[in-house]
């Protein structure tokens, strides 16, 4: 399992979509290619922008389909972060 602790990368507010893209390209996608489970740990993150979450996971869902969610886990998400993740996941499943 690959455990990605986002707080150390983003600080308490996750908004840098270029950083999200780097995490996606350098850690999430290579991990999924190796059939690893990916844990995205949001501990300490008070908020995130929709564009950050979109840059982090939308391409993954587009490339691997909804089955990618079987390998992706979201941990320690507060209510606001969880809502944004749900919005992005729902949007990607509709498109």
N, C-alpha and C. Protein backbone atom coordinates (compact mmCIF):
# COMPACT_ATOMS: atom_id res chain seq x y z
N UNK A 1 0.85 -1.18 0.00
CA UNK A 1 0.00 0.00 0.00
C UNK A 1 0.89 1.24 0.00
N UNK A 2 0.48 2.20 -0.79
CA UNK A 2 1.18 3.49 -0.83
C UNK A 2 0.36 4.49 -0.03
N UNK A 3 0.98 5.04 1.01
CA UNK A 3 0.31 5.99 1.90
C UNK A 3 0.83 7.40 1.58
N UNK A 4 -0.05 8.23 1.03
CA UNK A 4 0.33 9.59 0.65
C UNK A 4 -0.24 10.55 1.69
N UNK A 5 0.64 11.09 2.51
CA UNK A 5 0.24 12.05 3.54
C UNK A 5 0.31 13.44 2.92
N UNK A 6 -0.85 13.96 2.59
CA UNK A 6 -0.92 15.20 1.83
C UNK A 6 -0.55 16.45 2.63
N UNK A 7 -0.76 16.43 3.93
CA UNK A 7 -0.49 17.61 4.77
C UNK A 7 0.95 18.08 4.62
N UNK A 8 1.89 17.15 4.59
CA UNK A 8 3.30 17.51 4.45
C UNK A 8 3.61 18.15 3.11
N UNK A 9 2.76 17.90 2.14
CA UNK A 9 2.97 18.47 0.81
C UNK A 9 2.21 19.77 0.60
N UNK A 10 1.02 19.85 1.17
CA UNK A 10 0.13 20.96 0.85
C UNK A 10 -0.03 21.99 1.96
N UNK A 11 0.25 21.62 3.17
CA UNK A 11 -0.11 22.47 4.30
C UNK A 11 -1.58 22.24 4.61
N UNK A 12 -2.16 23.08 5.46
CA UNK A 12 -3.52 22.83 5.94
C UNK A 12 -4.61 23.13 4.91
N UNK A 13 -4.24 23.80 3.81
CA UNK A 13 -5.22 24.06 2.77
C UNK A 13 -4.65 23.59 1.43
N UNK A 14 -5.28 22.57 0.86
CA UNK A 14 -4.81 21.96 -0.38
C UNK A 14 -5.40 22.70 -1.57
N UNK A 15 -4.56 23.48 -2.24
CA UNK A 15 -5.06 24.28 -3.35
C UNK A 15 -4.16 24.26 -4.58
N UNK A 16 -2.93 23.81 -4.46
CA UNK A 16 -1.98 23.87 -5.56
C UNK A 16 -2.23 22.72 -6.54
N UNK A 17 -2.90 23.02 -7.64
CA UNK A 17 -3.25 21.96 -8.59
C UNK A 17 -2.02 21.41 -9.31
N UNK A 18 -0.94 22.20 -9.41
CA UNK A 18 0.29 21.67 -10.01
C UNK A 18 0.91 20.60 -9.11
N UNK A 19 0.84 20.82 -7.81
CA UNK A 19 1.31 19.82 -6.86
C UNK A 19 0.44 18.56 -6.93
N UNK A 20 -0.87 18.75 -7.02
CA UNK A 20 -1.79 17.61 -7.15
C UNK A 20 -1.46 16.80 -8.40
N UNK A 21 -1.17 17.49 -9.49
CA UNK A 21 -0.80 16.84 -10.74
C UNK A 21 0.48 16.01 -10.56
N UNK A 22 1.47 16.58 -9.86
CA UNK A 22 2.72 15.86 -9.61
C UNK A 22 2.47 14.59 -8.80
N UNK A 23 1.65 14.69 -7.76
CA UNK A 23 1.32 13.52 -6.95
C UNK A 23 0.64 12.46 -7.81
N UNK A 24 -0.30 12.90 -8.65
CA UNK A 24 -1.00 11.98 -9.54
C UNK A 24 -0.03 11.28 -10.48
N UNK A 25 0.80 12.05 -11.15
CA UNK A 25 1.70 11.49 -12.16
C UNK A 25 2.85 10.68 -11.58
N UNK A 26 3.39 11.11 -10.44
CA UNK A 26 4.58 10.48 -9.89
C UNK A 26 4.31 9.40 -8.85
N UNK A 27 3.11 9.38 -8.28
CA UNK A 27 2.83 8.42 -7.22
C UNK A 27 1.57 7.60 -7.47
N UNK A 28 0.45 8.28 -7.72
CA UNK A 28 -0.82 7.55 -7.84
C UNK A 28 -0.83 6.64 -9.07
N UNK A 29 -0.58 7.20 -10.23
CA UNK A 29 -0.65 6.38 -11.46
C UNK A 29 0.40 5.27 -11.47
N UNK A 30 1.67 5.55 -11.13
CA UNK A 30 2.62 4.43 -11.08
C UNK A 30 2.21 3.34 -10.08
N UNK A 31 1.64 3.75 -8.96
CA UNK A 31 1.16 2.77 -7.98
C UNK A 31 0.04 1.91 -8.53
N UNK A 32 -0.92 2.55 -9.19
CA UNK A 32 -2.02 1.79 -9.78
C UNK A 32 -1.53 0.86 -10.89
N UNK A 33 -0.54 1.30 -11.64
CA UNK A 33 0.03 0.46 -12.69
C UNK A 33 0.63 -0.83 -12.10
N UNK A 34 1.13 -0.72 -10.86
CA UNK A 34 1.71 -1.87 -10.17
C UNK A 34 0.67 -2.62 -9.33
N UNK A 35 -0.62 -2.25 -9.52
CA UNK A 35 -1.73 -2.88 -8.79
C UNK A 35 -1.67 -2.63 -7.28
N UNK A 36 -1.04 -1.53 -6.88
CA UNK A 36 -0.96 -1.16 -5.46
C UNK A 36 -2.23 -0.45 -5.04
N UNK A 37 -2.53 -0.54 -3.76
CA UNK A 37 -3.60 0.27 -3.20
C UNK A 37 -3.01 1.61 -2.79
N UNK A 38 -3.76 2.67 -3.00
CA UNK A 38 -3.30 4.03 -2.73
C UNK A 38 -4.17 4.62 -1.62
N UNK A 39 -3.53 5.09 -0.57
CA UNK A 39 -4.23 5.74 0.53
C UNK A 39 -3.89 7.23 0.50
N UNK A 40 -4.87 8.06 0.26
CA UNK A 40 -4.70 9.51 0.29
C UNK A 40 -5.13 10.00 1.67
N UNK A 41 -4.15 10.38 2.48
CA UNK A 41 -4.39 10.76 3.87
C UNK A 41 -4.48 12.29 3.98
N UNK A 42 -5.66 12.77 4.36
CA UNK A 42 -5.93 14.19 4.46
C UNK A 42 -5.82 14.70 5.91
N UNK A 43 -5.16 13.96 6.78
CA UNK A 43 -5.03 14.38 8.17
C UNK A 43 -4.40 15.76 8.26
N UNK A 44 -5.03 16.65 9.01
CA UNK A 44 -4.53 18.00 9.21
C UNK A 44 -4.94 18.99 8.14
N UNK A 45 -5.56 18.50 7.08
CA UNK A 45 -5.99 19.40 6.01
C UNK A 45 -7.39 19.91 6.34
N UNK A 46 -7.50 21.21 6.49
CA UNK A 46 -8.77 21.83 6.87
C UNK A 46 -9.68 22.07 5.68
N UNK A 47 -9.08 22.25 4.50
CA UNK A 47 -9.88 22.50 3.31
C UNK A 47 -9.08 22.21 2.06
N UNK A 48 -9.81 22.10 0.97
CA UNK A 48 -9.19 21.85 -0.34
C UNK A 48 -10.06 22.49 -1.40
N UNK A 49 -9.45 22.89 -2.49
CA UNK A 49 -10.23 23.43 -3.59
C UNK A 49 -10.68 22.27 -4.49
N UNK A 50 -11.76 22.52 -5.20
CA UNK A 50 -12.24 21.51 -6.13
C UNK A 50 -11.20 21.27 -7.22
N UNK A 51 -10.49 22.31 -7.62
CA UNK A 51 -9.48 22.14 -8.68
C UNK A 51 -8.32 21.27 -8.19
N UNK A 52 -7.98 21.33 -6.91
CA UNK A 52 -6.93 20.46 -6.37
C UNK A 52 -7.37 19.00 -6.45
N UNK A 53 -8.57 18.72 -5.95
CA UNK A 53 -9.08 17.33 -5.96
C UNK A 53 -9.24 16.85 -7.39
N UNK A 54 -9.74 17.71 -8.26
CA UNK A 54 -9.90 17.35 -9.67
C UNK A 54 -8.55 16.98 -10.28
N UNK A 55 -7.52 17.80 -10.03
CA UNK A 55 -6.19 17.52 -10.57
C UNK A 55 -5.59 16.25 -9.96
N UNK A 56 -5.97 15.95 -8.74
CA UNK A 56 -5.44 14.78 -8.04
C UNK A 56 -6.02 13.47 -8.57
N UNK A 57 -7.34 13.44 -8.84
CA UNK A 57 -7.96 12.13 -9.14
C UNK A 57 -8.74 12.03 -10.44
N UNK A 58 -9.11 13.14 -11.08
CA UNK A 58 -10.00 13.02 -12.24
C UNK A 58 -9.36 12.25 -13.39
N UNK A 59 -8.09 12.49 -13.66
CA UNK A 59 -7.41 11.78 -14.74
C UNK A 59 -7.30 10.29 -14.43
N UNK A 60 -7.14 9.98 -13.16
CA UNK A 60 -7.09 8.58 -12.72
C UNK A 60 -8.42 7.89 -13.02
N UNK A 61 -9.51 8.56 -12.69
CA UNK A 61 -10.83 7.99 -12.94
C UNK A 61 -11.13 7.90 -14.43
N UNK A 62 -10.65 8.86 -15.19
CA UNK A 62 -10.83 8.83 -16.64
C UNK A 62 -10.06 7.67 -17.26
N UNK A 63 -8.83 7.48 -16.80
CA UNK A 63 -7.95 6.45 -17.37
C UNK A 63 -8.34 5.04 -16.94
N UNK A 64 -8.68 4.86 -15.66
CA UNK A 64 -8.93 3.53 -15.11
C UNK A 64 -10.40 3.22 -14.88
N UNK A 65 -11.26 4.22 -15.06
CA UNK A 65 -12.68 4.02 -14.84
C UNK A 65 -13.02 3.97 -13.37
N UNK A 66 -14.31 3.72 -13.08
CA UNK A 66 -14.76 3.70 -11.69
C UNK A 66 -14.07 2.62 -10.85
N UNK A 67 -13.52 1.60 -11.51
CA UNK A 67 -12.81 0.55 -10.78
C UNK A 67 -11.59 1.07 -10.03
N UNK A 68 -11.09 2.24 -10.42
CA UNK A 68 -9.95 2.84 -9.73
C UNK A 68 -10.30 3.12 -8.27
N UNK A 69 -11.58 3.37 -8.02
CA UNK A 69 -12.00 3.67 -6.64
C UNK A 69 -11.84 2.46 -5.72
N UNK A 70 -11.72 1.27 -6.30
CA UNK A 70 -11.46 0.08 -5.49
C UNK A 70 -10.03 0.09 -4.95
N UNK A 71 -9.16 0.81 -5.61
CA UNK A 71 -7.75 0.87 -5.21
C UNK A 71 -7.39 2.19 -4.51
N UNK A 72 -8.28 3.18 -4.59
CA UNK A 72 -8.06 4.48 -3.95
C UNK A 72 -8.85 4.58 -2.66
N UNK A 73 -8.18 4.99 -1.59
CA UNK A 73 -8.86 5.23 -0.32
C UNK A 73 -8.57 6.65 0.13
N UNK A 74 -9.55 7.25 0.77
CA UNK A 74 -9.44 8.61 1.29
C UNK A 74 -9.59 8.54 2.80
N UNK A 75 -8.58 9.00 3.53
CA UNK A 75 -8.55 8.87 4.99
C UNK A 75 -8.48 10.24 5.64
N UNK A 76 -9.09 10.36 6.79
CA UNK A 76 -9.03 11.58 7.61
C UNK A 76 -9.55 12.82 6.90
N UNK A 77 -10.59 12.64 6.12
CA UNK A 77 -11.20 13.78 5.42
C UNK A 77 -12.25 14.41 6.32
N UNK A 78 -12.18 15.73 6.47
CA UNK A 78 -13.26 16.39 7.19
C UNK A 78 -14.47 16.50 6.26
N UNK A 79 -15.55 17.01 6.77
CA UNK A 79 -16.81 17.09 6.01
C UNK A 79 -16.65 17.86 4.70
N UNK A 80 -15.96 19.00 4.76
CA UNK A 80 -15.80 19.83 3.56
C UNK A 80 -14.97 19.13 2.49
N UNK A 81 -13.88 18.52 2.88
CA UNK A 81 -13.02 17.81 1.92
C UNK A 81 -13.77 16.63 1.33
N UNK A 82 -14.49 15.90 2.18
CA UNK A 82 -15.27 14.75 1.70
C UNK A 82 -16.31 15.17 0.66
N UNK A 83 -16.96 16.30 0.88
CA UNK A 83 -17.96 16.79 -0.08
C UNK A 83 -17.32 17.09 -1.43
N UNK A 84 -16.14 17.72 -1.40
CA UNK A 84 -15.46 18.06 -2.65
C UNK A 84 -15.04 16.79 -3.39
N UNK A 85 -14.52 15.81 -2.67
CA UNK A 85 -14.15 14.54 -3.30
C UNK A 85 -15.37 13.90 -3.94
N UNK A 86 -16.50 13.90 -3.23
CA UNK A 86 -17.73 13.33 -3.76
C UNK A 86 -18.19 14.05 -5.02
N UNK A 87 -18.10 15.36 -5.03
CA UNK A 87 -18.49 16.15 -6.22
C UNK A 87 -17.63 15.74 -7.41
N UNK A 88 -16.32 15.66 -7.22
CA UNK A 88 -15.43 15.32 -8.32
C UNK A 88 -15.67 13.89 -8.80
N UNK A 89 -15.81 12.95 -7.88
CA UNK A 89 -16.06 11.56 -8.26
C UNK A 89 -17.39 11.44 -9.01
N UNK A 90 -18.42 12.06 -8.49
CA UNK A 90 -19.73 12.00 -9.15
C UNK A 90 -19.66 12.61 -10.55
N UNK A 91 -18.99 13.74 -10.67
CA UNK A 91 -18.85 14.40 -11.97
C UNK A 91 -18.13 13.49 -12.97
N UNK A 92 -17.05 12.87 -12.52
CA UNK A 92 -16.27 12.01 -13.42
C UNK A 92 -17.04 10.75 -13.82
N UNK A 93 -17.90 10.26 -12.94
CA UNK A 93 -18.69 9.07 -13.28
C UNK A 93 -19.81 9.41 -14.24
N UNK A 94 -20.26 10.66 -14.23
CA UNK A 94 -21.33 11.08 -15.16
C UNK A 94 -20.78 11.34 -16.55
N UNK A 95 -19.52 11.75 -16.61
CA UNK A 95 -18.96 12.11 -17.94
C UNK A 95 -18.32 10.93 -18.66
